[in-house]
Amino acid sequence: MEFRHPNGQLCGVYHYTDPYKSFFRGLFTPSGKDVVAPPPPDHPHHKGLQFGLTTNKANFWEEPGAAVPNHDLPFGQQQNTKLELLSSGEGIGFTQKLLWRVGRQSIFNEVRTISVQETNDSYAWTWYTKLTAACDDVQITSSVWQVPSYCSPWLNYGYCGLGLRLASDWFETSDVLPSNPACASTPEYVAVKGKGAQVSFKQAATPANALFVTTFNRESPYGPDGPGFAFLGLVPIPRDLEQDPNVEATYVIVVSDI
């Protein structure tokens, strides 16, 4: 699905027929810079701007072919069941329904709404998601990887939230803002400022969801000192959904020329 400005300029390309997750491969600045990197061979699950997490039932972050050590969970699938464009009064975008499942077992039902607005020299995307547990005893758990925090590197937290690998054309050298967020707090936003382009992220979620951002094809893209690597917030693991079966979050992603 292509999103275009009234002048014909391409804003973004959304893929919703993939067997494992829907994603944006192609997010463009108003001048036409694509900020999204293609997935590297050992990380085929880094498909673009995407939402994922790991549960005690299935791994909805990684996919077959990923470099996952000691993998003991089946890979889950986010299956598109319905996609409708927003009405003219609701803006440019769509509402999507997805079934998160592993084999024949349903784990989550999701309602996702994504829209875009033009601002000065940028496109602002709003990504809203609401997951509802579809079975008993669901927990959000840590992935096999340890996620870095600003305060104590490599704490045992899990990927849960929005992820994006930035294109090396514009982010081979980049700055992450804010550079020194307060310890044990979630910054209001995270921005990655590259050469001629910037991508910034805000979120409204309780508890805060992790935001994974890094660049493609760098010698050491991972870890707190990796270039273009940032987290907006972290999810304490495990997160039991028995009392509250819903996971709800809103992200705002602004893609800008600079």
C-alpha atoms as a PDB file:
ATOM      1  CA  MET A   1       0.000   0.000   0.000  1.00  0.00           C
ATOM      2  CA  GLU A   2       1.476   3.339  -1.081  1.00  0.00           C
ATOM      3  CA  PHE A   3       0.921   6.661   0.666  1.00  0.00           C
ATOM      4  CA  ARG A   4       1.346   9.684  -1.561  1.00  0.00           C
ATOM      5  CA  HIS A   5       1.203  13.421  -1.074  1.00  0.00           C
ATOM      6  CA  PRO A   6      -1.404  15.188  -3.258  1.00  0.00           C
ATOM      7  CA  ASN A   7       1.506  16.333  -5.447  1.00  0.00           C
ATOM      8  CA  GLY A   8       2.379  12.670  -6.122  1.00  0.00           C
ATOM      9  CA  GLN A   9       5.384  12.498  -3.765  1.00  0.00           C
ATOM     10  CA  LEU A  10       5.717   9.084  -2.104  1.00  0.00           C
ATOM     11  CA  CYS A  11       5.434   9.283   1.711  1.00  0.00           C
ATOM     12  CA  GLY A  12       5.543   5.602   2.688  1.00  0.00           C
ATOM     13  CA  VAL A  13       4.951   2.003   1.596  1.00  0.00           C
ATOM     14  CA  TYR A  14       3.138  -0.408   3.943  1.00  0.00           C
ATOM     15  CA  HIS A  15       3.327  -4.188   3.482  1.00  0.00           C
ATOM     16  CA  TYR A  16       0.436  -6.108   5.028  1.00  0.00           C
ATOM     17  CA  THR A  17       0.483  -9.523   3.319  1.00  0.00           C
ATOM     18  CA  ASP A  18       3.755 -10.730   4.873  1.00  0.00           C
ATOM     19  CA  PRO A  19       3.207 -14.036   6.774  1.00  0.00           C
ATOM     20  CA  TYR A  20       4.964 -12.856   9.955  1.00  0.00           C
ATOM     21  CA  LYS A  21       4.248  -9.155  10.431  1.00  0.00           C
ATOM     22  CA  SER A  22       3.027  -6.023   8.687  1.00  0.00           C
ATOM     23  CA  PHE A  23       5.616  -3.259   8.296  1.00  0.00           C
ATOM     24  CA  PHE A  24       6.698  -0.091   6.512  1.00  0.00           C
ATOM     25  CA  ARG A  25       9.537  -0.606   4.045  1.00  0.00           C
ATOM     26  CA  GLY A  26       9.946   2.913   2.820  1.00  0.00           C
ATOM     27  CA  LEU A  27       9.399   6.019   4.927  1.00  0.00           C
ATOM     28  CA  PHE A  28      10.303   9.118   2.966  1.00  0.00           C
ATOM     29  CA  THR A  29      11.157  12.679   3.848  1.00  0.00           C
ATOM     30  CA  PRO A  30       9.384  15.370   1.790  1.00  0.00           C
ATOM     31  CA  SER A  31      12.456  15.592  -0.443  1.00  0.00           C
ATOM     32  CA  GLY A  32      12.342  11.841  -1.129  1.00  0.00           C
ATOM     33  CA  LYS A  33      14.982  10.394   1.233  1.00  0.00           C
ATOM     34  CA  ASP A  34      14.033   6.859   2.334  1.00  0.00           C
ATOM     35  CA  VAL A  35      15.069   6.458   5.982  1.00  0.00           C
ATOM     36  CA  VAL A  36      14.356   2.699   6.262  1.00  0.00           C
ATOM     37  CA  ALA A  37      17.096   0.105   5.691  1.00  0.00           C
ATOM     38  CA  PRO A  38      16.431  -3.334   4.166  1.00  0.00           C
ATOM     39  CA  PRO A  39      16.985  -6.292   6.519  1.00  0.00           C
ATOM     40  CA  PRO A  40      20.507  -7.715   6.767  1.00  0.00           C
ATOM     41  CA  PRO A  41      20.894 -11.461   6.056  1.00  0.00           C
ATOM     42  CA  ASP A  42      21.156 -12.491   9.718  1.00  0.00           C
ATOM     43  CA  HIS A  43      18.245 -10.295  10.799  1.00  0.00           C
ATOM     44  CA  PRO A  44      15.425 -10.985   8.301  1.00  0.00           C
ATOM     45  CA  HIS A  45      12.920  -9.872  10.943  1.00  0.00           C
ATOM     46  CA  HIS A  46      14.226  -6.288  10.730  1.00  0.00           C
ATOM     47  CA  LYS A  47      11.858  -5.628   7.853  1.00  0.00           C
ATOM     48  CA  GLY A  48      11.199  -1.939   8.384  1.00  0.00           C
ATOM     49  CA  LEU A  49       9.131   0.089  10.801  1.00  0.00           C
ATOM     50  CA  GLN A  50       7.357  -2.701  12.692  1.00  0.00           C
ATOM     51  CA  PHE A  51       5.746  -3.721  15.974  1.00  0.00           C
ATOM     52  CA  GLY A  52       6.606  -6.906  17.833  1.00  0.00           C
ATOM     53  CA  LEU A  53       7.221  -8.590  21.167  1.00  0.00           C
ATOM     54  CA  THR A  54       7.980 -11.958  22.763  1.00  0.00           C
ATOM     55  CA  THR A  55       5.538 -13.952  24.899  1.00  0.00           C
ATOM     56  CA  ASN A  56       5.672 -17.170  26.866  1.00  0.00           C
ATOM     57  CA  LYS A  57       3.602 -18.734  24.058  1.00  0.00           C
ATOM     58  CA  ALA A  58       5.546 -17.589  20.981  1.00  0.00           C
ATOM     59  CA  ASN A  59       8.221 -15.222  19.701  1.00  0.00           C
ATOM     60  CA  PHE A  60       6.581 -12.429  17.687  1.00  0.00           C
ATOM     61  CA  TRP A  61       9.812 -10.430  17.295  1.00  0.00           C
ATOM     62  CA  GLU A  62      12.295 -12.716  15.550  1.00  0.00           C
ATOM     63  CA  GLU A  63      11.480 -14.954  12.560  1.00  0.00           C
ATOM     64  CA  PRO A  64      12.903 -18.073  10.877  1.00  0.00           C
ATOM     65  CA  GLY A  65      16.426 -17.420   9.662  1.00  0.00           C
ATOM     66  CA  ALA A  66      17.234 -14.931  12.417  1.00  0.00           C
ATOM     67  CA  ALA A  67      20.373 -15.327  14.486  1.00  0.00           C
ATOM     68  CA  VAL A  68      18.583 -16.460  17.660  1.00  0.00           C
ATOM     69  CA  PRO A  69      20.795 -18.440  20.048  1.00  0.00           C
ATOM     70  CA  ASN A  70      19.229 -21.128  22.257  1.00  0.00           C
ATOM     71  CA  HIS A  71      15.854 -20.599  20.680  1.00  0.00           C
ATOM     72  CA  ASP A  72      13.159 -22.563  22.497  1.00  0.00           C
ATOM     73  CA  LEU A  73       9.976 -20.740  21.469  1.00  0.00           C
ATOM     74  CA  PRO A  74       7.971 -21.204  18.273  1.00  0.00           C
ATOM     75  CA  PHE A  75       7.812 -18.232  15.932  1.00  0.00           C
ATOM     76  CA  GLY A  76       4.426 -16.549  15.957  1.00  0.00           C
ATOM     77  CA  GLN A  77       2.655 -14.833  13.073  1.00  0.00           C
ATOM     78  CA  GLN A  78       0.789 -11.542  12.898  1.00  0.00           C
ATOM     79  CA  GLN A  79      -1.884 -12.306  10.319  1.00  0.00           C
ATOM     80  CA  ASN A  80      -3.782  -9.493   8.606  1.00  0.00           C
ATOM     81  CA  THR A  81      -7.527 -10.151   8.738  1.00  0.00           C
ATOM     82  CA  LYS A  82      -8.946  -6.792   7.642  1.00  0.00           C
ATOM     83  CA  LEU A  83      -7.669  -3.432   6.409  1.00  0.00           C
ATOM     84  CA  GLU A  84      -9.837  -0.396   5.713  1.00  0.00           C
ATOM     85  CA  LEU A  85      -8.842   3.101   4.620  1.00  0.00           C
ATOM     86  CA  LEU A  86      -9.832   5.946   6.913  1.00  0.00           C
ATOM     87  CA  SER A  87     -12.686   8.138   5.766  1.00  0.00           C
ATOM     88  CA  SER A  88     -11.855  11.534   4.308  1.00  0.00           C
ATOM     89  CA  GLY A  89     -12.708  13.236   7.609  1.00  0.00           C
ATOM     90  CA  GLU A  90     -10.371  10.982   9.609  1.00  0.00           C
ATOM     91  CA  GLY A  91      -7.185  11.747   7.698  1.00  0.00           C
ATOM     92  CA  ILE A  92      -4.875   9.786   5.413  1.00  0.00           C
ATOM     93  CA  GLY A  93      -4.348   6.264   6.721  1.00  0.00           C
ATOM     94  CA  PHE A  94      -6.055   3.007   7.599  1.00  0.00           C
ATOM     95  CA  THR A  95      -7.343   0.760  10.367  1.00  0.00           C
ATOM     96  CA  GLN A  96      -6.115  -2.813  10.388  1.00  0.00           C
ATOM     97  CA  LYS A  97      -7.163  -5.911  12.333  1.00  0.00           C
ATOM     98  CA  LEU A  98      -4.605  -8.628  12.956  1.00  0.00           C
ATOM     99  CA  LEU A  99      -4.662 -12.058  14.561  1.00  0.00           C
ATOM    100  CA  TRP A 100      -1.484 -12.971  16.432  1.00  0.00           C
ATOM    101  CA  ARG A 101      -1.229 -16.755  16.450  1.00  0.00           C
ATOM    102  CA  VAL A 102       1.106 -19.702  16.718  1.00  0.00           C
ATOM    103  CA  GLY A 103      -0.094 -22.714  14.776  1.00  0.00           C
ATOM    104  CA  ARG A 104      -3.847 -22.833  15.403  1.00  0.00           C
ATOM    105  CA  GLN A 105      -3.692 -21.062  18.748  1.00  0.00           C
ATOM    106  CA  SER A 106      -4.733 -17.411  18.914  1.00  0.00           C
ATOM    107  CA  ILE A 107      -2.576 -15.319  21.249  1.00  0.00           C
ATOM    108  CA  PHE A 108      -3.701 -11.716  20.584  1.00  0.00           C
ATOM    109  CA  ASN A 109      -6.295  -9.807  18.623  1.00  0.00           C
ATOM    110  CA  GLU A 110      -4.956  -6.446  17.489  1.00  0.00           C
ATOM    111  CA  VAL A 111      -6.565  -3.264  16.219  1.00  0.00           C
ATOM    112  CA  ARG A 112      -4.005  -0.947  14.591  1.00  0.00           C
ATOM    113  CA  THR A 113      -4.607   2.530  13.162  1.00  0.00           C
ATOM    114  CA  ILE A 114      -1.893   4.376  11.229  1.00  0.00           C
ATOM    115  CA  SER A 115      -2.190   7.844   9.698  1.00  0.00           C
ATOM    116  CA  VAL A 116       0.099  10.553   8.336  1.00  0.00           C
ATOM    117  CA  GLN A 117       0.060  14.345   8.303  1.00  0.00           C
ATOM    118  CA  GLU A 118       2.375  16.805   6.571  1.00  0.00           C
ATOM    119  CA  THR A 119       4.126  19.414   8.683  1.00  0.00           C
ATOM    120  CA  ASN A 120       6.953  21.818   7.834  1.00  0.00           C
ATOM    121  CA  ASP A 121       9.641  19.798   6.019  1.00  0.00           C
ATOM    122  CA  SER A 122       8.371  16.533   7.526  1.00  0.00           C
ATOM    123  CA  TYR A 123       5.771  13.793   7.564  1.00  0.00           C
ATOM    124  CA  ALA A 124       4.323  12.911  10.962  1.00  0.00           C
ATOM    125  CA  TRP A 125       3.032   9.345  11.316  1.00  0.00           C
ATOM    126  CA  THR A 126       0.764   8.248  14.179  1.00  0.00           C
ATOM    127  CA  TRP A 127       0.786   4.522  14.951  1.00  0.00           C
ATOM    128  CA  TYR A 128      -1.858   3.332  17.429  1.00  0.00           C
ATOM    129  CA  THR A 129      -2.134  -0.277  18.513  1.00  0.00           C
ATOM    130  CA  LYS A 130      -4.288  -2.205  20.958  1.00  0.00           C
ATOM    131  CA  LEU A 131      -3.564  -5.856  21.654  1.00  0.00           C
ATOM    132  CA  THR A 132      -6.084  -7.981  23.554  1.00  0.00           C
ATOM    133  CA  ALA A 133      -5.068 -11.372  24.894  1.00  0.00           C
ATOM    134  CA  ALA A 134      -7.026 -14.150  23.180  1.00  0.00           C
ATOM    135  CA  CYS A 135      -5.981 -16.985  25.503  1.00  0.00           C
ATOM    136  CA  ASP A 136      -5.212 -17.556  29.174  1.00  0.00           C
ATOM    137  CA  ASP A 137      -1.871 -17.227  30.963  1.00  0.00           C
ATOM    138  CA  VAL A 138      -0.242 -14.885  28.437  1.00  0.00           C
ATOM    139  CA  GLN A 139       2.912 -13.110  29.571  1.00  0.00           C
ATOM    140  CA  ILE A 140       5.168 -10.692  27.756  1.00  0.00           C
ATOM    141  CA  THR A 141       8.610 -12.147  28.383  1.00  0.00           C
ATOM    142  CA  SER A 142      12.216 -11.302  27.657  1.00  0.00           C
ATOM    143  CA  SER A 143      13.675 -12.264  24.334  1.00  0.00           C
ATOM    144  CA  VAL A 144      16.927 -14.220  24.230  1.00  0.00           C
ATOM    145  CA  TRP A 145      18.715 -10.910  23.822  1.00  0.00           C
ATOM    146  CA  GLN A 146      19.382  -8.528  26.666  1.00  0.00           C
ATOM    147  CA  VAL A 147      18.288  -4.981  25.921  1.00  0.00           C
ATOM    148  CA  PRO A 148      20.565  -2.079  26.939  1.00  0.00           C
ATOM    149  CA  SER A 149      19.336   0.679  29.202  1.00  0.00           C
ATOM    150  CA  TYR A 150      20.792   4.145  29.626  1.00  0.00           C
ATOM    151  CA  CYS A 151      21.662   3.522  33.274  1.00  0.00           C
ATOM    152  CA  SER A 152      22.826  -0.069  33.599  1.00  0.00           C
ATOM    153  CA  PRO A 153      23.860  -1.619  30.279  1.00  0.00           C
ATOM    154  CA  TRP A 154      22.350  -4.906  29.139  1.00  0.00           C
ATOM    155  CA  LEU A 155      19.614  -5.420  31.679  1.00  0.00           C
ATOM    156  CA  ASN A 156      17.391  -8.427  31.119  1.00  0.00           C
ATOM    157  CA  TYR A 157      14.474  -6.628  29.530  1.00  0.00           C
ATOM    158  CA  GLY A 158      12.632  -7.676  26.422  1.00  0.00           C
ATOM    159  CA  TYR A 159      11.906  -6.205  23.036  1.00  0.00           C
ATOM    160  CA  CYS A 160       8.315  -5.026  23.136  1.00  0.00           C
ATOM    161  CA  GLY A 161       7.223  -2.220  20.888  1.00  0.00           C
ATOM    162  CA  LEU A 162       8.209  -0.407  17.750  1.00  0.00           C
ATOM    163  CA  GLY A 163      11.435  -1.157  15.876  1.00  0.00           C
ATOM    164  CA  LEU A 164      13.291   0.462  12.986  1.00  0.00           C
ATOM    165  CA  ARG A 165      16.707   0.046  11.354  1.00  0.00           C
ATOM    166  CA  LEU A 166      17.751   3.308   9.725  1.00  0.00           C
ATOM    167  CA  ALA A 167      19.275   3.562   6.242  1.00  0.00           C
ATOM    168  CA  SER A 168      23.035   4.006   6.156  1.00  0.00           C
ATOM    169  CA  ASP A 169      22.749   6.491   3.247  1.00  0.00           C
ATOM    170  CA  TRP A 170      21.518   9.132   5.689  1.00  0.00           C
ATOM    171  CA  PHE A 171      22.545   7.751   9.086  1.00  0.00           C
ATOM    172  CA  GLU A 172      26.064   6.392   8.550  1.00  0.00           C
ATOM    173  CA  THR A 173      27.007   9.082  11.034  1.00  0.00           C
ATOM    174  CA  SER A 174      24.273  10.175  13.400  1.00  0.00           C
ATOM    175  CA  ASP A 175      23.504  11.696  16.772  1.00  0.00           C
ATOM    176  CA  VAL A 176      20.935  10.353  19.208  1.00  0.00           C
ATOM    177  CA  LEU A 177      18.942  12.965  21.110  1.00  0.00           C
ATOM    178  CA  PRO A 178      18.586  13.505  24.002  1.00  0.00           C
ATOM    179  CA  SER A 179      22.217  12.521  24.493  1.00  0.00           C
ATOM    180  CA  ASN A 180      22.025  12.142  28.280  1.00  0.00           C
ATOM    181  CA  PRO A 181      18.504  11.157  29.370  1.00  0.00           C
ATOM    182  CA  ALA A 182      17.791  11.056  33.072  1.00  0.00           C
ATOM    183  CA  CYS A 183      18.562   7.734  34.688  1.00  0.00           C
ATOM    184  CA  ALA A 184      15.594   5.452  35.369  1.00  0.00           C
ATOM    185  CA  SER A 185      13.262   7.689  33.362  1.00  0.00           C
ATOM    186  CA  THR A 186      11.673   7.578  29.947  1.00  0.00           C
ATOM    187  CA  PRO A 187      12.618  10.590  27.799  1.00  0.00           C
ATOM    188  CA  GLU A 188       9.786  12.515  26.178  1.00  0.00           C
ATOM    189  CA  TYR A 189      11.171  11.649  22.762  1.00  0.00           C
ATOM    190  CA  VAL A 190      14.098  10.030  20.993  1.00  0.00           C
ATOM    191  CA  ALA A 191      15.483  11.510  17.775  1.00  0.00           C
ATOM    192  CA  VAL A 192      18.203  10.222  15.466  1.00  0.00           C
ATOM    193  CA  LYS A 193      19.810  13.051  13.509  1.00  0.00           C
ATOM    194  CA  GLY A 194      21.731  12.006  10.421  1.00  0.00           C
ATOM    195  CA  LYS A 195      23.055  13.633   7.263  1.00  0.00           C
ATOM    196  CA  GLY A 196      20.160  15.496   5.660  1.00  0.00           C
ATOM    197  CA  ALA A 197      17.447  13.551   7.520  1.00  0.00           C
ATOM    198  CA  GLN A 198      16.117  13.082  11.021  1.00  0.00           C
ATOM    199  CA  VAL A 199      13.644  10.626  12.541  1.00  0.00           C
ATOM    200  CA  SER A 200      12.059  11.335  15.918  1.00  0.00           C
ATOM    201  CA  PHE A 201       9.813   9.163  18.074  1.00  0.00           C
ATOM    202  CA  LYS A 202       7.342   9.843  20.849  1.00  0.00           C
ATOM    203  CA  GLN A 203       5.078   7.363  22.580  1.00  0.00           C
ATOM    204  CA  ALA A 204       2.149   7.199  24.964  1.00  0.00           C
ATOM    205  CA  ALA A 205       2.058   3.796  26.616  1.00  0.00           C
ATOM    206  CA  THR A 206       1.708   2.374  30.115  1.00  0.00           C
ATOM    207  CA  PRO A 207       4.050   0.832  30.990  1.00  0.00           C
ATOM    208  CA  ALA A 208       6.434   2.314  28.446  1.00  0.00           C
ATOM    209  CA  ASN A 209       7.257   0.058  25.506  1.00  0.00           C
ATOM    210  CA  ALA A 210      10.731  -0.448  24.112  1.00  0.00           C
ATOM    211  CA  LEU A 211      11.723   1.407  20.994  1.00  0.00           C
ATOM    212  CA  PHE A 212      14.509  -0.191  18.964  1.00  0.00           C
ATOM    213  CA  VAL A 213      16.418   2.064  16.562  1.00  0.00           C
ATOM    214  CA  THR A 214      19.743   1.320  14.912  1.00  0.00           C
ATOM    215  CA  THR A 215      21.557   1.779  11.612  1.00  0.00           C
ATOM    216  CA  PHE A 216      22.308  -0.779   8.924  1.00  0.00           C
ATOM    217  CA  ASN A 217      25.661  -2.276   7.966  1.00  0.00           C
ATOM    218  CA  ARG A 218      27.783  -0.852  10.765  1.00  0.00           C
ATOM    219  CA  GLU A 219      30.694  -2.652  12.413  1.00  0.00           C
ATOM    220  CA  SER A 220      29.043  -2.568  15.840  1.00  0.00           C
ATOM    221  CA  PRO A 221      25.416  -1.454  15.596  1.00  0.00           C
ATOM    222  CA  TYR A 222      24.331  -2.934  18.937  1.00  0.00           C
ATOM    223  CA  GLY A 223      24.796  -1.762  22.487  1.00  0.00           C
ATOM    224  CA  PRO A 224      24.617   1.633  24.180  1.00  0.00           C
ATOM    225  CA  ASP A 225      27.710   2.832  22.300  1.00  0.00           C
ATOM    226  CA  GLY A 226      26.573   1.613  18.903  1.00  0.00           C
ATOM    227  CA  PRO A 227      25.995   4.343  16.311  1.00  0.00           C
ATOM    228  CA  GLY A 228      22.375   5.311  15.855  1.00  0.00           C
ATOM    229  CA  PHE A 229      21.127   3.053  18.640  1.00  0.00           C
ATOM    230  CA  ALA A 230      18.353   4.293  20.926  1.00  0.00           C
ATOM    231  CA  PHE A 231      15.589   3.189  23.253  1.00  0.00           C
ATOM    232  CA  LEU A 232      12.625   5.300  24.253  1.00  0.00           C
ATOM    233  CA  GLY A 233      11.503   3.081  27.120  1.00  0.00           C
ATOM    234  CA  LEU A 234      11.695  -0.455  28.474  1.00  0.00           C
ATOM    235  CA  VAL A 235       9.093  -2.981  29.554  1.00  0.00           C
ATOM    236  CA  PRO A 236       9.706  -4.729  32.894  1.00  0.00           C
ATOM    237  CA  ILE A 237       9.684  -8.473  32.273  1.00  0.00           C
ATOM    238  CA  PRO A 238       7.613 -10.571  32.772  1.00  0.00           C
ATOM    239  CA  ARG A 239       4.388  -8.641  32.210  1.00  0.00           C
ATOM    240  CA  ASP A 240       1.387 -10.740  33.172  1.00  0.00           C
ATOM    241  CA  LEU A 241      -1.816  -9.999  31.229  1.00  0.00           C
ATOM    242  CA  GLU A 242      -4.184 -12.005  33.450  1.00  0.00           C
ATOM    243  CA  GLN A 243      -5.568  -8.962  35.293  1.00  0.00           C
ATOM    244  CA  ASP A 244      -5.484  -6.585  32.328  1.00  0.00           C
ATOM    245  CA  PRO A 245      -5.553  -8.398  28.979  1.00  0.00           C
ATOM    246  CA  ASN A 246      -4.863  -5.237  26.938  1.00  0.00           C
ATOM    247  CA  VAL A 247      -1.620  -3.738  25.665  1.00  0.00           C
ATOM    248  CA  GLU A 248      -2.193  -0.276  24.230  1.00  0.00           C
ATOM    249  CA  ALA A 249       0.249   2.259  22.804  1.00  0.00           C
ATOM    250  CA  THR A 250       0.420   5.273  20.538  1.00  0.00           C
ATOM    251  CA  TYR A 251       3.625   6.261  18.732  1.00  0.00           C
ATOM    252  CA  VAL A 252       4.355   9.401  16.733  1.00  0.00           C
ATOM    253  CA  ILE A 253       7.162   9.067  14.171  1.00  0.00           C
ATOM    254  CA  VAL A 254       8.310  12.261  12.456  1.00  0.00           C
ATOM    255  CA  VAL A 255      10.467  11.907   9.331  1.00  0.00           C
ATOM    256  CA  SER A 256      12.159  15.192   8.458  1.00  0.00           C
ATOM    257  CA  ASP A 257      14.544  16.855   6.061  1.00  0.00           C
ATOM    258  CA  ILE A 258      17.258  18.804   7.862  1.00  0.00           C
END
